[in-house]
Amino acid sequence: MIERILDECLNEIRAGRMTIADCLAKYPAVAEELAPHLQMAAALEKLPDVQPSPEFTRATRARVLELPPPTRSARAQTMLFRFPAWRFAFAAVLFVAVAILASTGIANAQVSFPDSPLYPLKRAGEQFELTFAFASLDRIDLHLTFADKRLNEAAQMYQVRRNDLGERALNEYQNEIVFALALAQLQSPDTLRRTTAHVVNQQKDLRALQSQLDLSERATVDNVLESGEKKLGQLAPLLAPPVPPPPPARALSPTPAITAPIISPPPVAPTGAATIPIPILPAATLAPPPPVINPPPPPGLPLPTAIPVVPVPTIKLPGP
């Protein structure tokens, strides 16, 4: 299935109808496996075709025509081919020498810029490194590292007035951050948050580069900045902290029901039985006490004004 999807994406990319980011968005289930293959294919297509110059072709053809015809001769048995142990030692020394030269060339290529002849070797080494990064986190880190390199290369190219190479480096920077963010969305929220933080810092460096350019040189920088901000804006909802669930509602204790006293109905006499009337006494009412009224004095009698003093009689006893 991955082969069919890869062929379809490569055809669409060559026709200009889709980009690598579009293919990854169309097939998110196989995005991790599909991304390195698409990147390798894109890198191989960007490598320049090596064509020998006409002078070199003519000189090589002339030298070949001047060579004498080959003759059969017995191969000289030198000391090297006579002893097998020496052959193994020579092969080992040759292998070490080739490895040292290769590592030196790759090391020099790592610090090269797009205007250097070693730059294609640098990009091929990056694709080789990316192809053998099987873990998603490793690939995300590599894409972020490559994006940093593309920004540095773009700044260097604009500084030496190679704006065409600077614009190409910026477009490749944009591809790297698209790959990194697309892979980070398939990982944990912490990985996505760390990746977006790195991209935000890269966008700050890109704004610093924008401030150093003339207005006529900012078109590509503006487009790349706008694309990066748009991508970060799309990921903003995924980066929001989770909203804690509301606390559970407290259970309300039931209100005790107030029950009215049960009043038994009056007994009903059976049908046909004589009913005994129960007299209903009126409620006793307390009347206020009557006022105390003094009787008027009889007519013709004067009202006493003072109580008369009656003298106490004295009794004289006889003396002895």
C-alpha atoms as a PDB file:
ATOM      1  CA  MET A   1       0.000   0.000   0.000  1.00  0.00           C
ATOM      2  CA  ILE A   2       2.831   2.410   0.832  1.00  0.00           C
ATOM      3  CA  GLU A   3       4.350   1.822  -2.626  1.00  0.00           C
ATOM      4  CA  ARG A   4       1.137   2.853  -4.364  1.00  0.00           C
ATOM      5  CA  ILE A   5       0.755   5.952  -2.189  1.00  0.00           C
ATOM      6  CA  LEU A   6       4.417   6.883  -2.755  1.00  0.00           C
ATOM      7  CA  ASP A   7       4.073   6.590  -6.543  1.00  0.00           C
ATOM      8  CA  GLU A   8       0.902   8.663  -6.500  1.00  0.00           C
ATOM      9  CA  CYS A   9       2.473  11.398  -4.374  1.00  0.00           C
ATOM     10  CA  LEU A  10       5.630  11.535  -6.493  1.00  0.00           C
ATOM     11  CA  ASN A  11       3.583  11.909  -9.664  1.00  0.00           C
ATOM     12  CA  GLU A  12       1.471  14.660  -8.114  1.00  0.00           C
ATOM     13  CA  ILE A  13       4.563  16.495  -6.830  1.00  0.00           C
ATOM     14  CA  ARG A  14       6.314  16.300 -10.213  1.00  0.00           C
ATOM     15  CA  ALA A  15       3.175  17.626 -11.904  1.00  0.00           C
ATOM     16  CA  GLY A  16       3.056  20.530  -9.456  1.00  0.00           C
ATOM     17  CA  ARG A  17      -0.436  19.718  -8.228  1.00  0.00           C
ATOM     18  CA  MET A  18       0.622  18.827  -4.671  1.00  0.00           C
ATOM     19  CA  THR A  19       3.443  19.451  -2.242  1.00  0.00           C
ATOM     20  CA  ILE A  20       5.045  17.093   0.251  1.00  0.00           C
ATOM     21  CA  ALA A  21       3.025  18.674   3.045  1.00  0.00           C
ATOM     22  CA  ASP A  22      -0.180  18.096   1.066  1.00  0.00           C
ATOM     23  CA  CYS A  23       0.667  14.410   0.641  1.00  0.00           C
ATOM     24  CA  LEU A  24       1.324  13.983   4.355  1.00  0.00           C
ATOM     25  CA  ALA A  25      -1.949  15.694   5.185  1.00  0.00           C
ATOM     26  CA  LYS A  26      -3.814  13.500   2.695  1.00  0.00           C
ATOM     27  CA  TYR A  27      -2.446  10.255   4.155  1.00  0.00           C
ATOM     28  CA  PRO A  28      -1.979  10.894   7.907  1.00  0.00           C
ATOM     29  CA  ALA A  29      -2.047   7.175   8.726  1.00  0.00           C
ATOM     30  CA  VAL A  30       1.249   6.554   6.869  1.00  0.00           C
ATOM     31  CA  ALA A  31       2.734  10.045   7.263  1.00  0.00           C
ATOM     32  CA  GLU A  32       5.653   8.867   9.428  1.00  0.00           C
ATOM     33  CA  GLU A  33       6.680   6.204   6.921  1.00  0.00           C
ATOM     34  CA  LEU A  34       5.944   8.312   3.861  1.00  0.00           C
ATOM     35  CA  ALA A  35       7.821  11.480   4.885  1.00  0.00           C
ATOM     36  CA  PRO A  36      11.447  10.208   4.595  1.00  0.00           C
ATOM     37  CA  HIS A  37      10.802   8.655   1.164  1.00  0.00           C
ATOM     38  CA  LEU A  38       9.309  11.859  -0.198  1.00  0.00           C
ATOM     39  CA  GLN A  39      12.155  13.914   1.229  1.00  0.00           C
ATOM     40  CA  MET A  40      14.766  11.625  -0.291  1.00  0.00           C
ATOM     41  CA  ALA A  41      13.066  11.780  -3.684  1.00  0.00           C
ATOM     42  CA  ALA A  42      12.829  15.563  -3.504  1.00  0.00           C
ATOM     43  CA  ALA A  43      16.502  15.867  -2.537  1.00  0.00           C
ATOM     44  CA  LEU A  44      17.616  13.615  -5.389  1.00  0.00           C
ATOM     45  CA  GLU A  45      15.629  15.613  -7.905  1.00  0.00           C
ATOM     46  CA  LYS A  46      17.221  18.841  -6.678  1.00  0.00           C
ATOM     47  CA  LEU A  47      20.770  17.573  -7.221  1.00  0.00           C
ATOM     48  CA  PRO A  48      22.325  19.189 -10.292  1.00  0.00           C
ATOM     49  CA  ASP A  49      23.065  17.028 -13.305  1.00  0.00           C
ATOM     50  CA  VAL A  50      26.811  16.587 -13.762  1.00  0.00           C
ATOM     51  CA  GLN A  51      27.655  17.206 -17.410  1.00  0.00           C
ATOM     52  CA  PRO A  52      31.280  17.134 -18.586  1.00  0.00           C
ATOM     53  CA  SER A  53      32.435  20.170 -20.479  1.00  0.00           C
ATOM     54  CA  PRO A  54      32.982  19.857 -24.243  1.00  0.00           C
ATOM     55  CA  GLU A  55      36.714  20.494 -23.810  1.00  0.00           C
ATOM     56  CA  PHE A  56      37.012  17.621 -21.344  1.00  0.00           C
ATOM     57  CA  THR A  57      35.084  15.313 -23.681  1.00  0.00           C
ATOM     58  CA  ARG A  58      37.288  16.132 -26.662  1.00  0.00           C
ATOM     59  CA  ALA A  59      40.506  15.781 -24.673  1.00  0.00           C
ATOM     60  CA  THR A  60      39.451  12.440 -23.206  1.00  0.00           C
ATOM     61  CA  ARG A  61      38.497  11.091 -26.603  1.00  0.00           C
ATOM     62  CA  ALA A  62      41.827  12.158 -28.069  1.00  0.00           C
ATOM     63  CA  ARG A  63      43.761  10.442 -25.290  1.00  0.00           C
ATOM     64  CA  VAL A  64      41.771   7.245 -25.759  1.00  0.00           C
ATOM     65  CA  LEU A  65      42.471   7.229 -29.483  1.00  0.00           C
ATOM     66  CA  GLU A  66      46.183   7.709 -28.869  1.00  0.00           C
ATOM     67  CA  LEU A  67      46.460   4.684 -26.606  1.00  0.00           C
ATOM     68  CA  PRO A  68      48.205   1.641 -28.097  1.00  0.00           C
ATOM     69  CA  PRO A  69      46.053  -1.411 -28.722  1.00  0.00           C
ATOM     70  CA  PRO A  70      45.915  -3.799 -25.762  1.00  0.00           C
ATOM     71  CA  THR A  71      48.247  -6.813 -25.872  1.00  0.00           C
ATOM     72  CA  ARG A  72      48.169  -9.995 -23.882  1.00  0.00           C
ATOM     73  CA  SER A  73      50.990 -10.198 -21.379  1.00  0.00           C
ATOM     74  CA  ALA A  74      51.618 -12.246 -18.334  1.00  0.00           C
ATOM     75  CA  ARG A  75      50.901 -10.321 -15.194  1.00  0.00           C
ATOM     76  CA  ALA A  76      54.001  -9.666 -13.205  1.00  0.00           C
ATOM     77  CA  GLN A  77      54.088 -11.508  -9.949  1.00  0.00           C
ATOM     78  CA  THR A  78      55.011  -8.727  -7.610  1.00  0.00           C
ATOM     79  CA  MET A  79      55.682  -9.152  -3.941  1.00  0.00           C
ATOM     80  CA  LEU A  80      52.221  -7.767  -3.176  1.00  0.00           C
ATOM     81  CA  PHE A  81      50.328 -10.463  -5.082  1.00  0.00           C
ATOM     82  CA  ARG A  82      52.739 -13.218  -4.136  1.00  0.00           C
ATOM     83  CA  PHE A  83      51.899 -13.136  -0.429  1.00  0.00           C
ATOM     84  CA  PRO A  84      48.169 -13.203   0.517  1.00  0.00           C
ATOM     85  CA  ALA A  85      48.829 -11.694   3.942  1.00  0.00           C
ATOM     86  CA  TRP A  86      50.237  -8.594   2.317  1.00  0.00           C
ATOM     87  CA  ARG A  87      47.158  -8.273   0.143  1.00  0.00           C
ATOM     88  CA  PHE A  88      44.881  -8.184   3.204  1.00  0.00           C
ATOM     89  CA  ALA A  89      47.116  -5.615   4.889  1.00  0.00           C
ATOM     90  CA  PHE A  90      47.094  -3.425   1.785  1.00  0.00           C
ATOM     91  CA  ALA A  91      43.288  -3.672   1.560  1.00  0.00           C
ATOM     92  CA  ALA A  92      42.943  -2.663   5.215  1.00  0.00           C
ATOM     93  CA  VAL A  93      45.233   0.357   4.786  1.00  0.00           C
ATOM     94  CA  LEU A  94      43.371   1.384   1.639  1.00  0.00           C
ATOM     95  CA  PHE A  95      40.009   1.118   3.421  1.00  0.00           C
ATOM     96  CA  VAL A  96      41.211   3.281   6.322  1.00  0.00           C
ATOM     97  CA  ALA A  97      42.585   5.891   3.931  1.00  0.00           C
ATOM     98  CA  VAL A  98      39.329   6.058   1.981  1.00  0.00           C
ATOM     99  CA  ALA A  99      37.343   6.337   5.225  1.00  0.00           C
ATOM    100  CA  ILE A 100      39.542   9.205   6.442  1.00  0.00           C
ATOM    101  CA  LEU A 101      39.204  11.048   3.147  1.00  0.00           C
ATOM    102  CA  ALA A 102      35.458  10.514   3.108  1.00  0.00           C
ATOM    103  CA  SER A 103      35.016  11.716   6.673  1.00  0.00           C
ATOM    104  CA  THR A 104      37.164  14.766   5.957  1.00  0.00           C
ATOM    105  CA  GLY A 105      35.090  15.602   2.904  1.00  0.00           C
ATOM    106  CA  ILE A 106      31.824  15.202   4.800  1.00  0.00           C
ATOM    107  CA  ALA A 107      33.149  17.319   7.669  1.00  0.00           C
ATOM    108  CA  ASN A 108      34.079  20.075   5.231  1.00  0.00           C
ATOM    109  CA  ALA A 109      30.713  19.746   3.536  1.00  0.00           C
ATOM    110  CA  GLN A 110      28.856  20.226   6.821  1.00  0.00           C
ATOM    111  CA  VAL A 111      30.102  23.819   7.054  1.00  0.00           C
ATOM    112  CA  SER A 112      29.532  24.598   3.385  1.00  0.00           C
ATOM    113  CA  PHE A 113      26.918  26.994   2.014  1.00  0.00           C
ATOM    114  CA  PRO A 114      24.688  26.763  -1.051  1.00  0.00           C
ATOM    115  CA  ASP A 115      27.304  28.484  -3.225  1.00  0.00           C
ATOM    116  CA  SER A 116      29.940  25.852  -2.366  1.00  0.00           C
ATOM    117  CA  PRO A 117      30.713  22.787  -4.540  1.00  0.00           C
ATOM    118  CA  LEU A 118      30.482  20.618  -1.405  1.00  0.00           C
ATOM    119  CA  TYR A 119      26.936  21.732  -0.610  1.00  0.00           C
ATOM    120  CA  PRO A 120      25.240  18.835  -2.507  1.00  0.00           C
ATOM    121  CA  LEU A 121      27.322  16.430  -0.423  1.00  0.00           C
ATOM    122  CA  LYS A 122      26.083  18.173   2.715  1.00  0.00           C
ATOM    123  CA  ARG A 123      22.446  17.803   1.684  1.00  0.00           C
ATOM    124  CA  ALA A 124      22.962  14.172   0.699  1.00  0.00           C
ATOM    125  CA  GLY A 125      24.435  13.499   4.139  1.00  0.00           C
ATOM    126  CA  GLU A 126      21.397  15.092   5.765  1.00  0.00           C
ATOM    127  CA  GLN A 127      19.031  12.908   3.761  1.00  0.00           C
ATOM    128  CA  PHE A 128      21.083   9.840   4.640  1.00  0.00           C
ATOM    129  CA  GLU A 129      20.889  10.797   8.302  1.00  0.00           C
ATOM    130  CA  LEU A 130      17.137  11.337   8.052  1.00  0.00           C
ATOM    131  CA  THR A 131      16.531   8.049   6.259  1.00  0.00           C
ATOM    132  CA  PHE A 132      18.094   6.024   9.052  1.00  0.00           C
ATOM    133  CA  ALA A 133      16.306   7.900  11.843  1.00  0.00           C
ATOM    134  CA  PHE A 134      13.541   5.401  12.552  1.00  0.00           C
ATOM    135  CA  ALA A 135      12.114   7.010  15.702  1.00  0.00           C
ATOM    136  CA  SER A 136       9.632   9.825  15.189  1.00  0.00           C
ATOM    137  CA  LEU A 137      11.217  11.991  17.886  1.00  0.00           C
ATOM    138  CA  ASP A 138      14.614  11.677  16.198  1.00  0.00           C
ATOM    139  CA  ARG A 139      13.150  12.739  12.857  1.00  0.00           C
ATOM    140  CA  ILE A 140      11.463  15.741  14.468  1.00  0.00           C
ATOM    141  CA  ASP A 141      14.770  16.835  16.009  1.00  0.00           C
ATOM    142  CA  LEU A 142      16.536  16.418  12.661  1.00  0.00           C
ATOM    143  CA  HIS A 143      13.954  18.528  10.839  1.00  0.00           C
ATOM    144  CA  LEU A 144      14.322  21.282  13.424  1.00  0.00           C
ATOM    145  CA  THR A 145      18.116  21.104  13.134  1.00  0.00           C
ATOM    146  CA  PHE A 146      17.941  21.291   9.343  1.00  0.00           C
ATOM    147  CA  ALA A 147      15.576  24.265   9.613  1.00  0.00           C
ATOM    148  CA  ASP A 148      18.159  26.067  11.759  1.00  0.00           C
ATOM    149  CA  LYS A 149      20.794  25.363   9.115  1.00  0.00           C
ATOM    150  CA  ARG A 150      18.582  26.666   6.307  1.00  0.00           C
ATOM    151  CA  LEU A 151      17.984  29.904   8.208  1.00  0.00           C
ATOM    152  CA  ASN A 152      21.719  30.344   8.735  1.00  0.00           C
ATOM    153  CA  GLU A 153      22.380  29.653   5.059  1.00  0.00           C
ATOM    154  CA  ALA A 154      19.690  32.119   3.971  1.00  0.00           C
ATOM    155  CA  ALA A 155      21.187  34.869   6.126  1.00  0.00           C
ATOM    156  CA  GLN A 156      24.644  34.141   4.705  1.00  0.00           C
ATOM    157  CA  MET A 157      23.412  34.189   1.103  1.00  0.00           C
ATOM    158  CA  TYR A 158      21.552  37.473   1.560  1.00  0.00           C
ATOM    159  CA  GLN A 159      24.697  38.926   3.083  1.00  0.00           C
ATOM    160  CA  VAL A 160      26.793  38.086  -0.003  1.00  0.00           C
ATOM    161  CA  ARG A 161      23.988  39.271  -2.323  1.00  0.00           C
ATOM    162  CA  ARG A 162      23.080  35.792  -3.555  1.00  0.00           C
ATOM    163  CA  ASN A 163      19.383  36.421  -3.062  1.00  0.00           C
ATOM    164  CA  ASP A 164      18.341  33.537  -5.304  1.00  0.00           C
ATOM    165  CA  LEU A 165      20.134  31.035  -3.075  1.00  0.00           C
ATOM    166  CA  GLY A 166      18.812  32.797   0.012  1.00  0.00           C
ATOM    167  CA  GLU A 167      15.229  32.470  -1.224  1.00  0.00           C
ATOM    168  CA  ARG A 168      15.781  28.781  -1.972  1.00  0.00           C
ATOM    169  CA  ALA A 169      17.129  28.238   1.538  1.00  0.00           C
ATOM    170  CA  LEU A 170      14.064  29.975   3.010  1.00  0.00           C
ATOM    171  CA  ASN A 171      11.684  27.772   1.032  1.00  0.00           C
ATOM    172  CA  GLU A 172      13.536  24.695   2.266  1.00  0.00           C
ATOM    173  CA  TYR A 173      13.346  26.071   5.812  1.00  0.00           C
ATOM    174  CA  GLN A 174       9.585  26.272   5.400  1.00  0.00           C
ATOM    175  CA  ASN A 175       9.460  22.632   4.260  1.00  0.00           C
ATOM    176  CA  GLU A 176      11.486  21.526   7.271  1.00  0.00           C
ATOM    177  CA  ILE A 177       9.189  23.171   9.820  1.00  0.00           C
ATOM    178  CA  VAL A 178       6.129  21.766   8.018  1.00  0.00           C
ATOM    179  CA  PHE A 179       7.592  18.254   8.326  1.00  0.00           C
ATOM    180  CA  ALA A 180       8.506  18.785  11.978  1.00  0.00           C
ATOM    181  CA  LEU A 181       5.069  20.096  12.954  1.00  0.00           C
ATOM    182  CA  ALA A 182       3.256  17.410  10.951  1.00  0.00           C
ATOM    183  CA  LEU A 183       5.157  14.653  12.756  1.00  0.00           C
ATOM    184  CA  ALA A 184       4.785  16.368  16.136  1.00  0.00           C
ATOM    185  CA  GLN A 185       0.995  16.381  15.814  1.00  0.00           C
ATOM    186  CA  LEU A 186       1.083  12.576  15.864  1.00  0.00           C
ATOM    187  CA  GLN A 187       3.020  12.529  19.145  1.00  0.00           C
ATOM    188  CA  SER A 188       2.236  13.560  22.710  1.00  0.00           C
ATOM    189  CA  PRO A 189       1.096  17.110  23.585  1.00  0.00           C
ATOM    190  CA  ASP A 190       4.462  17.752  25.283  1.00  0.00           C
ATOM    191  CA  THR A 191       6.312  16.925  22.061  1.00  0.00           C
ATOM    192  CA  LEU A 192       4.040  19.204  20.046  1.00  0.00           C
ATOM    193  CA  ARG A 193       4.492  21.998  22.592  1.00  0.00           C
ATOM    194  CA  ARG A 194       8.305  21.638  22.495  1.00  0.00           C
ATOM    195  CA  THR A 195       8.337  21.607  18.686  1.00  0.00           C
ATOM    196  CA  THR A 196       6.159  24.691  18.351  1.00  0.00           C
ATOM    197  CA  ALA A 197       8.308  26.542  20.891  1.00  0.00           C
ATOM    198  CA  HIS A 198      11.369  25.817  18.726  1.00  0.00           C
ATOM    199  CA  VAL A 199       9.561  27.041  15.611  1.00  0.00           C
ATOM    200  CA  VAL A 200       8.486  30.221  17.422  1.00  0.00           C
ATOM    201  CA  ASN A 201      12.143  30.988  18.185  1.00  0.00           C
ATOM    202  CA  GLN A 202      13.038  30.354  14.543  1.00  0.00           C
ATOM    203  CA  GLN A 203      10.318  32.767  13.463  1.00  0.00           C
ATOM    204  CA  LYS A 204      11.918  35.398  15.713  1.00  0.00           C
ATOM    205  CA  ASP A 205      15.265  34.851  13.961  1.00  0.00           C
ATOM    206  CA  LEU A 206      13.494  35.177  10.618  1.00  0.00           C
ATOM    207  CA  ARG A 207      11.988  38.516  11.677  1.00  0.00           C
ATOM    208  CA  ALA A 208      15.473  39.694  12.640  1.00  0.00           C
ATOM    209  CA  LEU A 209      16.662  38.758   9.142  1.00  0.00           C
ATOM    210  CA  GLN A 210      13.675  40.586   7.656  1.00  0.00           C
ATOM    211  CA  SER A 211      14.628  43.789   9.446  1.00  0.00           C
ATOM    212  CA  GLN A 212      18.097  43.681   7.843  1.00  0.00           C
ATOM    213  CA  LEU A 213      16.824  43.427   4.256  1.00  0.00           C
ATOM    214  CA  ASP A 214      15.633  46.097   1.882  1.00  0.00           C
ATOM    215  CA  LEU A 215      11.955  46.326   1.053  1.00  0.00           C
ATOM    216  CA  SER A 216      12.596  44.878  -2.400  1.00  0.00           C
ATOM    217  CA  GLU A 217      14.225  41.781  -0.878  1.00  0.00           C
ATOM    218  CA  ARG A 218      11.543  40.913   1.665  1.00  0.00           C
ATOM    219  CA  ALA A 219       8.960  39.181  -0.543  1.00  0.00           C
ATOM    220  CA  THR A 220      10.088  35.626   0.153  1.00  0.00           C
ATOM    221  CA  VAL A 221      10.763  36.367   3.819  1.00  0.00           C
ATOM    222  CA  ASP A 222       7.271  37.824   4.208  1.00  0.00           C
ATOM    223  CA  ASN A 223       5.650  34.787   2.591  1.00  0.00           C
ATOM    224  CA  VAL A 224       7.588  32.333   4.739  1.00  0.00           C
ATOM    225  CA  LEU A 225       6.798  34.309   7.895  1.00  0.00           C
ATOM    226  CA  GLU A 226       3.104  34.435   7.039  1.00  0.00           C
ATOM    227  CA  SER A 227       3.005  30.716   6.293  1.00  0.00           C
ATOM    228  CA  GLY A 228       4.722  29.878   9.576  1.00  0.00           C
ATOM    229  CA  GLU A 229       2.406  32.090  11.610  1.00  0.00           C
ATOM    230  CA  LYS A 230      -0.616  30.545   9.916  1.00  0.00           C
ATOM    231  CA  LYS A 231       0.606  27.049  10.731  1.00  0.00           C
ATOM    232  CA  LEU A 232       1.223  27.979  14.359  1.00  0.00           C
ATOM    233  CA  GLY A 233      -2.225  29.547  14.542  1.00  0.00           C
ATOM    234  CA  GLN A 234      -3.801  26.301  13.350  1.00  0.00           C
ATOM    235  CA  LEU A 235      -2.036  24.429  16.143  1.00  0.00           C
ATOM    236  CA  ALA A 236      -3.016  26.911  18.859  1.00  0.00           C
ATOM    237  CA  PRO A 237      -6.195  25.009  19.884  1.00  0.00           C
ATOM    238  CA  LEU A 238      -4.138  21.847  20.369  1.00  0.00           C
ATOM    239  CA  LEU A 239      -1.702  23.692  22.650  1.00  0.00           C
ATOM    240  CA  ALA A 240      -4.323  25.147  24.993  1.00  0.00           C
ATOM    241  CA  PRO A 241      -4.086  23.689  28.510  1.00  0.00           C
ATOM    242  CA  PRO A 242      -6.831  21.202  29.239  1.00  0.00           C
ATOM    243  CA  VAL A 243      -9.816  22.660  31.050  1.00  0.00           C
ATOM    244  CA  PRO A 244     -10.255  20.895  34.409  1.00  0.00           C
ATOM    245  CA  PRO A 245     -13.623  19.239  34.799  1.00  0.00           C
ATOM    246  CA  PRO A 246     -16.078  21.044  37.065  1.00  0.00           C
ATOM    247  CA  PRO A 247     -16.275  19.757  40.640  1.00  0.00           C
ATOM    248  CA  PRO A 248     -19.073  17.314  41.229  1.00  0.00           C
ATOM    249  CA  ALA A 249     -22.264  18.904  42.462  1.00  0.00           C
ATOM    250  CA  ARG A 250     -22.990  18.412  46.127  1.00  0.00           C
ATOM    251  CA  ALA A 251     -25.917  16.158  46.779  1.00  0.00           C
ATOM    252  CA  LEU A 252     -28.747  18.074  48.388  1.00  0.00           C
ATOM    253  CA  SER A 253     -30.175  16.453  51.477  1.00  0.00           C
ATOM    254  CA  PRO A 254     -33.892  15.896  51.116  1.00  0.00           C
ATOM    255  CA  THR A 255     -36.100  18.383  52.968  1.00  0.00           C
ATOM    256  CA  PRO A 256     -38.042  16.603  55.680  1.00  0.00           C
ATOM    257  CA  ALA A 257     -41.685  16.545  54.796  1.00  0.00           C
ATOM    258  CA  ILE A 258     -44.083  18.114  57.291  1.00  0.00           C
ATOM    259  CA  THR A 259     -46.967  15.803  57.760  1.00  0.00           C
ATOM    260  CA  ALA A 260     -50.226  17.135  59.166  1.00  0.00           C
ATOM    261  CA  PRO A 261     -51.726  15.269  62.085  1.00  0.00           C
ATOM    262  CA  ILE A 262     -54.145  12.676  61.012  1.00  0.00           C
ATOM    263  CA  ILE A 263     -57.637  13.599  62.227  1.00  0.00           C
ATOM    264  CA  SER A 264     -59.876  10.665  62.402  1.00  0.00           C
ATOM    265  CA  PRO A 265     -63.337  11.342  61.041  1.00  0.00           C
ATOM    266  CA  PRO A 266     -66.212  11.180  63.536  1.00  0.00           C
ATOM    267  CA  PRO A 267     -67.725   7.793  63.858  1.00  0.00           C
ATOM    268  CA  VAL A 268     -70.625   7.229  61.588  1.00  0.00           C
ATOM    269  CA  ALA A 269     -73.590   5.478  63.075  1.00  0.00           C
ATOM    270  CA  PRO A 270     -74.684   2.439  61.245  1.00  0.00           C
ATOM    271  CA  THR A 271     -77.591   2.755  58.946  1.00  0.00           C
ATOM    272  CA  GLY A 272     -80.929   2.492  60.714  1.00  0.00           C
ATOM    273  CA  ALA A 273     -79.525   3.147  64.193  1.00  0.00           C
ATOM    274  CA  ALA A 274     -80.795   5.998  66.319  1.00  0.00           C
ATOM    275  CA  THR A 275     -78.571   8.981  66.410  1.00  0.00           C
ATOM    276  CA  ILE A 276     -77.874  10.638  69.757  1.00  0.00           C
ATOM    277  CA  PRO A 277     -77.424  14.374  69.433  1.00  0.00           C
ATOM    278  CA  ILE A 278     -74.406  15.727  71.198  1.00  0.00           C
ATOM    279  CA  PRO A 279     -75.077  19.122  72.727  1.00  0.00           C
ATOM    280  CA  ILE A 280     -72.628  21.771  71.817  1.00  0.00           C
ATOM    281  CA  LEU A 281     -72.030  24.159  74.697  1.00  0.00           C
ATOM    282  CA  PRO A 282     -71.216  27.722  73.870  1.00  0.00           C
ATOM    283  CA  ALA A 283     -67.794  28.878  74.807  1.00  0.00           C
ATOM    284  CA  ALA A 284     -67.684  30.646  78.162  1.00  0.00           C
ATOM    285  CA  THR A 285     -66.928  34.278  77.962  1.00  0.00           C
ATOM    286  CA  LEU A 286     -65.420  36.251  80.843  1.00  0.00           C
ATOM    287  CA  ALA A 287     -67.224  39.539  81.434  1.00  0.00           C
ATOM    288  CA  PRO A 288     -65.280  42.393  82.997  1.00  0.00           C
ATOM    289  CA  PRO A 289     -66.154  43.115  86.726  1.00  0.00           C
ATOM    290  CA  PRO A 290     -68.759  45.824  87.295  1.00  0.00           C
ATOM    291  CA  PRO A 291     -67.420  49.181  88.383  1.00  0.00           C
ATOM    292  CA  VAL A 292     -67.612  50.058  92.096  1.00  0.00           C
ATOM    293  CA  ILE A 293     -70.093  52.905  92.583  1.00  0.00           C
ATOM    294  CA  ASN A 294     -70.320  54.561  96.035  1.00  0.00           C
ATOM    295  CA  PRO A 295     -73.915  55.290  97.049  1.00  0.00           C
ATOM    296  CA  PRO A 296     -74.782  58.943  97.317  1.00  0.00           C
ATOM    297  CA  PRO A 297     -75.367  60.365 100.864  1.00  0.00           C
ATOM    298  CA  PRO A 298     -78.949  60.791 102.025  1.00  0.00           C
ATOM    299  CA  PRO A 299     -80.392  64.167 101.418  1.00  0.00           C
ATOM    300  CA  GLY A 300     -80.327  66.743 104.240  1.00  0.00           C
ATOM    301  CA  LEU A 301     -77.233  65.411 105.932  1.00  0.00           C
ATOM    302  CA  PRO A 302     -74.122  67.525 105.807  1.00  0.00           C
ATOM    303  CA  LEU A 303     -71.093  65.882 104.540  1.00  0.00           C
ATOM    304  CA  PRO A 304     -68.564  65.364 107.359  1.00  0.00           C
ATOM    305  CA  THR A 305     -65.548  67.485 106.956  1.00  0.00           C
ATOM    306  CA  ALA A 306     -63.571  66.162 109.920  1.00  0.00           C
ATOM    307  CA  ILE A 307     -63.755  63.309 112.309  1.00  0.00           C
ATOM    308  CA  PRO A 308     -64.933  64.633 115.768  1.00  0.00           C
ATOM    309  CA  VAL A 309     -62.542  64.030 118.636  1.00  0.00           C
ATOM    310  CA  VAL A 310     -64.289  62.344 121.561  1.00  0.00           C
ATOM    311  CA  PRO A 311     -62.547  63.124 124.893  1.00  0.00           C
ATOM    312  CA  VAL A 312     -61.405  60.118 126.862  1.00  0.00           C
ATOM    313  CA  PRO A 313     -62.946  60.131 130.365  1.00  0.00           C
ATOM    314  CA  THR A 314     -60.520  60.084 133.269  1.00  0.00           C
ATOM    315  CA  ILE A 315     -61.192  58.038 136.396  1.00  0.00           C
ATOM    316  CA  LYS A 316     -59.885  59.269 139.753  1.00  0.00           C
ATOM    317  CA  LEU A 317     -59.134  56.589 142.310  1.00  0.00           C
ATOM    318  CA  PRO A 318     -59.523  57.353 146.066  1.00  0.00           C
ATOM    319  CA  GLY A 319     -56.375  57.837 147.961  1.00  0.00           C
ATOM    320  CA  PRO A 320     -55.392  55.717 150.973  1.00  0.00           C
END
